[in-house]
Amino acid sequence: MTRRTTAFTLLELVIALAIAATLAVFAIPAYRSHIARAHRIDAAAALYRAAQFVESANPDAQRTLPPGLDRAPESGTAVYRLSVLPADATNGGYAIRAAPVDPGPMSDDACGTFVLDATGARTNRGAGGAGGGGEVAADAVDECWNRR
């Protein structure tokens, strides 16, 4: 009676690893891109919720956001912190800023800080964190706010 043993050959193992590595090369960046897009959508939605709160609040009251509205997402680990900016000549009475938490998954994102003002203007400031920088290009702003 002979025993027959079966196993993977080295060639089969190398082929399986090559296929897995190829899938990982394409899947991981796509996954990270999807997660970043989801965080940006959370920030935009949080800005709209905060704007609704500010619009309905007493105009004489100090404009601060209550807990839950001062972050995105509302529950879990904060990825963006929201704050109300004072009125100036161009923002229609207020602006709300969503700055990436540093350190955080979006702290070096190209969209930087999201800003929504009372006139409905949507902009992004500074690439790479809450620190600032200039305005983000208009076509990039469209992508940041998911308008495409």
N, C-alpha and C. Protein backbone atom coordinates (compact mmCIF):
# COMPACT_ATOMS: atom_id res chain seq x y z
N MET A 1 0.83 -1.15 0.00
CA MET A 1 0.00 0.00 0.00
C MET A 1 0.90 1.25 0.00
N THR A 2 0.66 2.12 -0.95
CA THR A 2 1.46 3.35 -1.04
C THR A 2 0.62 4.53 -0.57
N ARG A 3 1.29 5.39 0.08
CA ARG A 3 0.65 6.61 0.56
C ARG A 3 0.80 7.71 -0.45
N ARG A 4 -0.28 8.37 -0.71
CA ARG A 4 -0.21 9.47 -1.66
C ARG A 4 -0.41 10.77 -0.89
N THR A 5 0.59 11.63 -0.91
CA THR A 5 0.48 12.92 -0.23
C THR A 5 0.30 14.00 -1.28
N THR A 6 -0.55 14.92 -0.95
CA THR A 6 -0.77 16.04 -1.87
C THR A 6 -0.44 17.33 -1.14
N ALA A 7 0.12 18.24 -1.88
CA ALA A 7 0.49 19.54 -1.32
C ALA A 7 0.67 20.53 -2.46
N PHE A 8 0.81 21.78 -2.08
CA PHE A 8 1.10 22.80 -3.08
C PHE A 8 2.55 22.71 -3.49
N THR A 9 2.78 22.92 -4.74
CA THR A 9 4.17 23.01 -5.18
C THR A 9 4.63 24.44 -4.98
N LEU A 10 5.91 24.64 -5.03
CA LEU A 10 6.48 25.97 -4.88
C LEU A 10 5.98 26.90 -5.98
N LEU A 11 5.85 26.39 -7.18
CA LEU A 11 5.36 27.20 -8.30
C LEU A 11 3.92 27.66 -8.06
N GLU A 12 3.08 26.78 -7.59
CA GLU A 12 1.70 27.15 -7.31
C GLU A 12 1.63 28.22 -6.21
N LEU A 13 2.46 28.08 -5.20
CA LEU A 13 2.50 29.05 -4.12
C LEU A 13 2.97 30.42 -4.61
N VAL A 14 3.98 30.46 -5.45
CA VAL A 14 4.49 31.72 -5.99
C VAL A 14 3.43 32.39 -6.87
N ILE A 15 2.70 31.63 -7.66
CA ILE A 15 1.65 32.19 -8.51
C ILE A 15 0.53 32.77 -7.64
N ALA A 16 0.12 32.05 -6.61
CA ALA A 16 -0.93 32.55 -5.72
C ALA A 16 -0.48 33.84 -5.02
N LEU A 17 0.75 33.92 -4.58
CA LEU A 17 1.26 35.13 -3.94
C LEU A 17 1.35 36.29 -4.93
N ALA A 18 1.72 36.01 -6.16
CA ALA A 18 1.79 37.06 -7.18
C ALA A 18 0.40 37.63 -7.47
N ILE A 19 -0.60 36.76 -7.54
CA ILE A 19 -1.97 37.22 -7.76
C ILE A 19 -2.44 38.07 -6.58
N ALA A 20 -2.17 37.63 -5.36
CA ALA A 20 -2.56 38.38 -4.17
C ALA A 20 -1.87 39.74 -4.11
N ALA A 21 -0.59 39.78 -4.47
CA ALA A 21 0.15 41.05 -4.46
C ALA A 21 -0.40 42.01 -5.52
N THR A 22 -0.75 41.50 -6.68
CA THR A 22 -1.31 42.33 -7.75
C THR A 22 -2.65 42.92 -7.31
N LEU A 23 -3.49 42.12 -6.70
CA LEU A 23 -4.77 42.62 -6.20
C LEU A 23 -4.55 43.69 -5.13
N ALA A 24 -3.60 43.48 -4.24
CA ALA A 24 -3.33 44.45 -3.18
C ALA A 24 -2.82 45.78 -3.74
N VAL A 25 -2.03 45.72 -4.79
CA VAL A 25 -1.49 46.94 -5.40
C VAL A 25 -2.62 47.83 -5.91
N PHE A 26 -3.67 47.25 -6.43
CA PHE A 26 -4.79 48.04 -6.96
C PHE A 26 -5.87 48.29 -5.91
N ALA A 27 -6.10 47.35 -5.02
CA ALA A 27 -7.20 47.46 -4.07
C ALA A 27 -6.91 48.44 -2.94
N ILE A 28 -5.73 48.47 -2.41
CA ILE A 28 -5.43 49.32 -1.26
C ILE A 28 -5.55 50.81 -1.60
N PRO A 29 -4.97 51.31 -2.69
CA PRO A 29 -5.17 52.73 -3.02
C PRO A 29 -6.64 53.07 -3.31
N ALA A 30 -7.36 52.18 -3.95
CA ALA A 30 -8.78 52.43 -4.22
C ALA A 30 -9.56 52.50 -2.91
N TYR A 31 -9.23 51.66 -1.97
CA TYR A 31 -9.90 51.66 -0.66
C TYR A 31 -9.60 52.96 0.09
N ARG A 32 -8.33 53.37 0.09
CA ARG A 32 -7.96 54.62 0.77
C ARG A 32 -8.64 55.82 0.13
N SER A 33 -8.75 55.82 -1.18
CA SER A 33 -9.43 56.90 -1.88
C SER A 33 -10.91 56.93 -1.51
N HIS A 34 -11.51 55.78 -1.41
CA HIS A 34 -12.92 55.69 -1.02
C HIS A 34 -13.13 56.21 0.41
N ILE A 35 -12.25 55.86 1.32
CA ILE A 35 -12.35 56.31 2.71
C ILE A 35 -12.18 57.83 2.78
N ALA A 36 -11.22 58.38 2.04
CA ALA A 36 -11.01 59.84 2.04
C ALA A 36 -12.25 60.55 1.50
N ARG A 37 -12.84 60.02 0.45
CA ARG A 37 -14.05 60.62 -0.12
C ARG A 37 -15.19 60.58 0.89
N ALA A 38 -15.32 59.49 1.62
CA ALA A 38 -16.36 59.37 2.64
C ALA A 38 -16.14 60.40 3.76
N HIS A 39 -14.89 60.63 4.16
CA HIS A 39 -14.60 61.64 5.18
C HIS A 39 -14.96 63.04 4.68
N ARG A 40 -14.66 63.32 3.41
CA ARG A 40 -14.99 64.63 2.84
C ARG A 40 -16.51 64.84 2.80
N ILE A 41 -17.25 63.79 2.45
CA ILE A 41 -18.71 63.88 2.42
C ILE A 41 -19.25 64.12 3.83
N ASP A 42 -18.65 63.45 4.83
CA ASP A 42 -19.05 63.69 6.23
C ASP A 42 -18.81 65.14 6.62
N ALA A 43 -17.68 65.70 6.21
CA ALA A 43 -17.37 67.09 6.55
C ALA A 43 -18.38 68.04 5.91
N ALA A 44 -18.70 67.83 4.65
CA ALA A 44 -19.66 68.69 3.96
C ALA A 44 -21.04 68.58 4.60
N ALA A 45 -21.47 67.38 4.94
CA ALA A 45 -22.77 67.20 5.57
C ALA A 45 -22.80 67.86 6.95
N ALA A 46 -21.71 67.75 7.70
CA ALA A 46 -21.65 68.39 9.01
C ALA A 46 -21.71 69.91 8.88
N LEU A 47 -21.10 70.46 7.85
CA LEU A 47 -21.16 71.91 7.63
C LEU A 47 -22.59 72.35 7.35
N TYR A 48 -23.31 71.60 6.55
CA TYR A 48 -24.71 71.95 6.26
C TYR A 48 -25.58 71.86 7.52
N ARG A 49 -25.35 70.83 8.35
CA ARG A 49 -26.10 70.71 9.60
C ARG A 49 -25.80 71.89 10.52
N ALA A 50 -24.51 72.25 10.61
CA ALA A 50 -24.11 73.37 11.46
C ALA A 50 -24.69 74.68 10.93
N ALA A 51 -24.72 74.86 9.62
CA ALA A 51 -25.29 76.07 9.04
C ALA A 51 -26.78 76.17 9.36
N GLN A 52 -27.47 75.05 9.32
CA GLN A 52 -28.89 75.05 9.67
C GLN A 52 -29.08 75.46 11.13
N PHE A 53 -28.20 74.96 12.00
CA PHE A 53 -28.27 75.33 13.41
C PHE A 53 -28.02 76.83 13.59
N VAL A 54 -26.99 77.35 12.95
CA VAL A 54 -26.64 78.77 13.09
C VAL A 54 -27.76 79.65 12.55
N GLU A 55 -28.35 79.25 11.43
CA GLU A 55 -29.45 80.04 10.84
C GLU A 55 -30.67 80.08 11.76
N SER A 56 -30.92 78.99 12.49
CA SER A 56 -32.10 78.94 13.34
C SER A 56 -31.84 79.46 14.75
N ALA A 57 -30.59 79.71 15.10
CA ALA A 57 -30.26 80.19 16.44
C ALA A 57 -30.59 81.66 16.59
N ASN A 58 -30.68 82.08 17.82
CA ASN A 58 -30.93 83.49 18.14
C ASN A 58 -29.78 84.34 17.58
N PRO A 59 -30.07 85.35 16.77
CA PRO A 59 -28.99 86.13 16.17
C PRO A 59 -28.14 86.90 17.17
N ASP A 60 -28.69 87.16 18.38
CA ASP A 60 -27.94 87.88 19.40
C ASP A 60 -27.03 86.96 20.21
N ALA A 61 -27.28 85.66 20.14
CA ALA A 61 -26.51 84.70 20.93
C ALA A 61 -25.12 84.51 20.32
N GLN A 62 -24.20 84.12 21.18
CA GLN A 62 -22.85 83.82 20.69
C GLN A 62 -22.93 82.59 19.79
N ARG A 63 -22.31 82.66 18.67
CA ARG A 63 -22.42 81.58 17.70
C ARG A 63 -21.36 80.52 17.96
N THR A 64 -21.71 79.58 18.80
CA THR A 64 -20.87 78.41 19.04
C THR A 64 -21.72 77.19 18.76
N LEU A 65 -21.08 76.16 18.32
CA LEU A 65 -21.79 74.94 17.97
C LEU A 65 -21.88 74.02 19.19
N PRO A 66 -23.02 73.38 19.39
CA PRO A 66 -23.16 72.47 20.52
C PRO A 66 -22.38 71.17 20.27
N PRO A 67 -22.12 70.42 21.34
CA PRO A 67 -21.44 69.13 21.15
C PRO A 67 -22.20 68.25 20.17
N GLY A 68 -21.48 67.61 19.30
CA GLY A 68 -22.08 66.77 18.27
C GLY A 68 -22.09 67.48 16.93
N LEU A 69 -22.43 68.78 16.95
CA LEU A 69 -22.39 69.56 15.71
C LEU A 69 -21.02 70.17 15.47
N ASP A 70 -20.14 70.07 16.46
CA ASP A 70 -18.82 70.68 16.34
C ASP A 70 -17.76 69.71 15.82
N ARG A 71 -18.21 68.61 15.26
CA ARG A 71 -17.26 67.60 14.76
C ARG A 71 -17.88 66.79 13.63
N ALA A 72 -17.04 66.18 12.85
CA ALA A 72 -17.48 65.26 11.80
C ALA A 72 -16.58 64.04 11.85
N PRO A 73 -17.12 62.86 11.86
CA PRO A 73 -18.53 62.51 11.98
C PRO A 73 -19.05 62.79 13.39
N GLU A 74 -20.39 62.77 13.52
CA GLU A 74 -21.02 63.11 14.80
C GLU A 74 -20.65 62.14 15.92
N SER A 75 -20.42 60.88 15.58
CA SER A 75 -20.05 59.89 16.59
C SER A 75 -18.76 59.21 16.15
N GLY A 76 -18.10 58.61 17.10
CA GLY A 76 -16.82 57.96 16.80
C GLY A 76 -15.68 58.96 16.90
N THR A 77 -14.58 58.62 16.30
CA THR A 77 -13.40 59.47 16.33
C THR A 77 -13.58 60.65 15.39
N ALA A 78 -13.33 61.84 15.89
CA ALA A 78 -13.48 63.05 15.08
C ALA A 78 -12.39 63.09 14.01
N VAL A 79 -12.80 63.39 12.79
CA VAL A 79 -11.87 63.55 11.68
C VAL A 79 -11.74 65.04 11.34
N TYR A 80 -12.84 65.78 11.52
CA TYR A 80 -12.87 67.23 11.31
C TYR A 80 -13.46 67.90 12.54
N ARG A 81 -12.96 69.10 12.87
CA ARG A 81 -13.53 69.93 13.93
C ARG A 81 -14.17 71.15 13.27
N LEU A 82 -15.40 71.46 13.67
CA LEU A 82 -16.13 72.58 13.10
C LEU A 82 -16.12 73.76 14.05
N SER A 83 -16.08 74.96 13.48
CA SER A 83 -16.16 76.18 14.27
C SER A 83 -16.81 77.26 13.43
N VAL A 84 -17.48 78.19 14.11
CA VAL A 84 -18.14 79.31 13.44
C VAL A 84 -17.16 80.47 13.40
N LEU A 85 -16.97 81.02 12.22
CA LEU A 85 -16.09 82.17 12.03
C LEU A 85 -16.92 83.45 12.08
N PRO A 86 -16.35 84.55 12.50
CA PRO A 86 -17.11 85.80 12.60
C PRO A 86 -17.48 86.36 11.23
N ALA A 87 -18.42 87.30 11.27
CA ALA A 87 -18.88 87.95 10.04
C ALA A 87 -17.78 88.83 9.48
N ASP A 88 -17.74 88.91 8.16
CA ASP A 88 -16.88 89.87 7.48
C ASP A 88 -17.65 90.43 6.28
N ALA A 89 -16.98 91.20 5.48
CA ALA A 89 -17.66 91.91 4.39
C ALA A 89 -18.15 90.97 3.28
N THR A 90 -17.61 89.77 3.20
CA THR A 90 -17.94 88.91 2.07
C THR A 90 -18.73 87.66 2.42
N ASN A 91 -18.82 87.28 3.71
CA ASN A 91 -19.42 85.98 4.00
C ASN A 91 -20.91 86.01 4.34
N GLY A 92 -21.55 87.15 4.33
CA GLY A 92 -22.99 87.21 4.54
C GLY A 92 -23.43 87.11 5.98
N GLY A 93 -22.54 87.17 6.93
CA GLY A 93 -22.91 87.14 8.34
C GLY A 93 -22.18 86.11 9.17
N TYR A 94 -21.77 85.03 8.56
CA TYR A 94 -20.99 84.01 9.27
C TYR A 94 -20.37 83.08 8.25
N ALA A 95 -19.42 82.31 8.71
CA ALA A 95 -18.85 81.21 7.93
C ALA A 95 -18.57 80.08 8.92
N ILE A 96 -18.64 78.88 8.44
CA ILE A 96 -18.36 77.71 9.27
C ILE A 96 -17.20 76.97 8.65
N ARG A 97 -16.25 76.62 9.49
CA ARG A 97 -15.03 75.96 9.02
C ARG A 97 -14.98 74.54 9.57
N ALA A 98 -14.58 73.60 8.71
CA ALA A 98 -14.32 72.22 9.13
C ALA A 98 -12.85 71.94 8.87
N ALA A 99 -12.07 71.95 9.93
CA ALA A 99 -10.62 71.76 9.82
C ALA A 99 -10.27 70.32 10.19
N PRO A 100 -9.38 69.70 9.43
CA PRO A 100 -8.99 68.32 9.75
C PRO A 100 -8.29 68.25 11.11
N VAL A 101 -8.59 67.22 11.87
CA VAL A 101 -7.93 67.00 13.15
C VAL A 101 -6.48 66.61 12.87
N ASP A 102 -5.59 67.21 13.63
CA ASP A 102 -4.17 66.92 13.44
C ASP A 102 -3.63 66.29 14.71
N PRO A 103 -3.07 65.12 14.74
CA PRO A 103 -2.92 64.21 13.62
C PRO A 103 -4.22 63.45 13.37
N GLY A 104 -4.46 63.15 12.14
CA GLY A 104 -5.65 62.42 11.78
C GLY A 104 -5.55 61.92 10.35
N PRO A 105 -6.52 61.14 9.92
CA PRO A 105 -6.45 60.55 8.58
C PRO A 105 -6.54 61.58 7.45
N MET A 106 -7.08 62.77 7.72
CA MET A 106 -7.24 63.77 6.67
C MET A 106 -6.33 64.98 6.88
N SER A 107 -5.39 64.88 7.79
CA SER A 107 -4.54 66.04 8.11
C SER A 107 -3.65 66.46 6.94
N ASP A 108 -3.35 65.56 6.04
CA ASP A 108 -2.53 65.93 4.88
C ASP A 108 -3.31 65.83 3.57
N ASP A 109 -4.63 65.92 3.66
CA ASP A 109 -5.49 65.83 2.49
C ASP A 109 -5.35 67.08 1.63
N ALA A 110 -5.44 66.92 0.34
CA ALA A 110 -5.31 68.04 -0.60
C ALA A 110 -6.44 69.05 -0.47
N CYS A 111 -7.59 68.63 0.05
CA CYS A 111 -8.72 69.54 0.20
C CYS A 111 -8.55 70.49 1.37
N GLY A 112 -7.74 70.14 2.34
CA GLY A 112 -7.49 71.02 3.47
C GLY A 112 -8.72 71.28 4.29
N THR A 113 -8.96 72.56 4.62
CA THR A 113 -10.07 72.98 5.46
C THR A 113 -11.26 73.37 4.60
N PHE A 114 -12.44 72.85 4.94
CA PHE A 114 -13.68 73.19 4.24
C PHE A 114 -14.29 74.42 4.88
N VAL A 115 -14.82 75.34 4.06
CA VAL A 115 -15.48 76.54 4.58
C VAL A 115 -16.79 76.73 3.83
N LEU A 116 -17.87 76.92 4.60
CA LEU A 116 -19.20 77.22 4.06
C LEU A 116 -19.65 78.51 4.71
N ASP A 117 -20.06 79.49 3.89
CA ASP A 117 -20.50 80.75 4.48
C ASP A 117 -22.00 80.93 4.31
N ALA A 118 -22.51 82.02 4.86
CA ALA A 118 -23.96 82.27 4.88
C ALA A 118 -24.53 82.49 3.50
N THR A 119 -23.71 82.87 2.54
CA THR A 119 -24.18 83.07 1.17
C THR A 119 -24.26 81.75 0.41
N GLY A 120 -23.76 80.68 1.00
CA GLY A 120 -23.76 79.38 0.34
C GLY A 120 -22.47 79.09 -0.41
N ALA A 121 -21.52 80.00 -0.35
CA ALA A 121 -20.24 79.79 -1.04
C ALA A 121 -19.45 78.69 -0.34
N ARG A 122 -18.95 77.76 -1.14
CA ARG A 122 -18.16 76.63 -0.62
C ARG A 122 -16.73 76.78 -1.09
N THR A 123 -15.79 76.80 -0.17
CA THR A 123 -14.38 76.91 -0.52
C THR A 123 -13.56 75.95 0.31
N ASN A 124 -12.33 75.82 -0.08
CA ASN A 124 -11.35 75.04 0.68
C ASN A 124 -10.11 75.89 0.83
N ARG A 125 -9.53 75.84 2.01
CA ARG A 125 -8.33 76.61 2.30
C ARG A 125 -7.20 75.69 2.69
N GLY A 126 -6.07 75.94 2.09
CA GLY A 126 -4.86 75.24 2.48
C GLY A 126 -4.87 73.77 2.18
N ALA A 127 -3.86 73.34 1.53
CA ALA A 127 -3.68 71.91 1.30
C ALA A 127 -2.75 71.40 2.37
N GLY A 128 -3.16 70.30 3.00
CA GLY A 128 -2.27 69.69 3.96
C GLY A 128 -2.50 70.12 5.39
N GLY A 129 -3.72 70.23 5.80
CA GLY A 129 -3.97 70.39 7.22
C GLY A 129 -4.74 71.63 7.59
N ALA A 130 -4.92 71.75 8.89
CA ALA A 130 -5.73 72.82 9.43
C ALA A 130 -4.96 74.13 9.49
N GLY A 131 -3.67 74.08 9.29
CA GLY A 131 -2.84 75.26 9.46
C GLY A 131 -3.16 76.39 8.54
N GLY A 132 -3.58 76.12 7.35
CA GLY A 132 -3.92 77.23 6.49
C GLY A 132 -3.34 77.06 5.12
N GLY A 133 -2.88 78.15 4.59
CA GLY A 133 -2.41 78.15 3.22
C GLY A 133 -3.41 78.91 2.39
N GLY A 134 -3.22 78.91 1.11
CA GLY A 134 -4.09 79.65 0.22
C GLY A 134 -5.33 78.88 -0.15
N GLU A 135 -6.08 79.48 -1.05
CA GLU A 135 -7.30 78.85 -1.54
C GLU A 135 -6.94 77.68 -2.45
N VAL A 136 -7.78 76.68 -2.45
CA VAL A 136 -7.63 75.52 -3.32
C VAL A 136 -8.26 75.88 -4.67
N ALA A 137 -7.70 75.39 -5.77
CA ALA A 137 -8.19 75.69 -7.11
C ALA A 137 -9.66 75.31 -7.26
N ALA A 138 -10.38 76.05 -8.10
CA ALA A 138 -11.83 75.87 -8.25
C ALA A 138 -12.20 74.46 -8.69
N ASP A 139 -11.45 73.88 -9.62
CA ASP A 139 -11.79 72.52 -10.06
C ASP A 139 -11.55 71.50 -8.95
N ALA A 140 -10.55 71.75 -8.11
CA ALA A 140 -10.30 70.86 -6.98
C ALA A 140 -11.40 71.01 -5.93
N VAL A 141 -11.92 72.23 -5.76
CA VAL A 141 -13.01 72.47 -4.81
C VAL A 141 -14.24 71.67 -5.21
N ASP A 142 -14.53 71.62 -6.52
CA ASP A 142 -15.66 70.82 -6.99
C ASP A 142 -15.50 69.36 -6.58
N GLU A 143 -14.31 68.85 -6.72
CA GLU A 143 -14.06 67.46 -6.35
C GLU A 143 -14.13 67.27 -4.84
N CYS A 144 -13.60 68.23 -4.09
CA CYS A 144 -13.63 68.14 -2.63
C CYS A 144 -15.05 68.12 -2.09
N TRP A 145 -15.91 68.92 -2.67
CA TRP A 145 -17.30 69.00 -2.22
C TRP A 145 -18.19 67.98 -2.91
N ASN A 146 -17.60 67.10 -3.70
CA ASN A 146 -18.32 66.01 -4.37
C ASN A 146 -19.39 66.54 -5.32
N ARG A 147 -19.03 67.58 -6.09
CA ARG A 147 -19.99 68.16 -7.03
C ARG A 147 -19.83 67.60 -8.42
N ARG A 148 -19.05 66.56 -8.59
CA ARG A 148 -18.87 65.97 -9.91
C ARG A 148 -19.57 64.65 -9.98
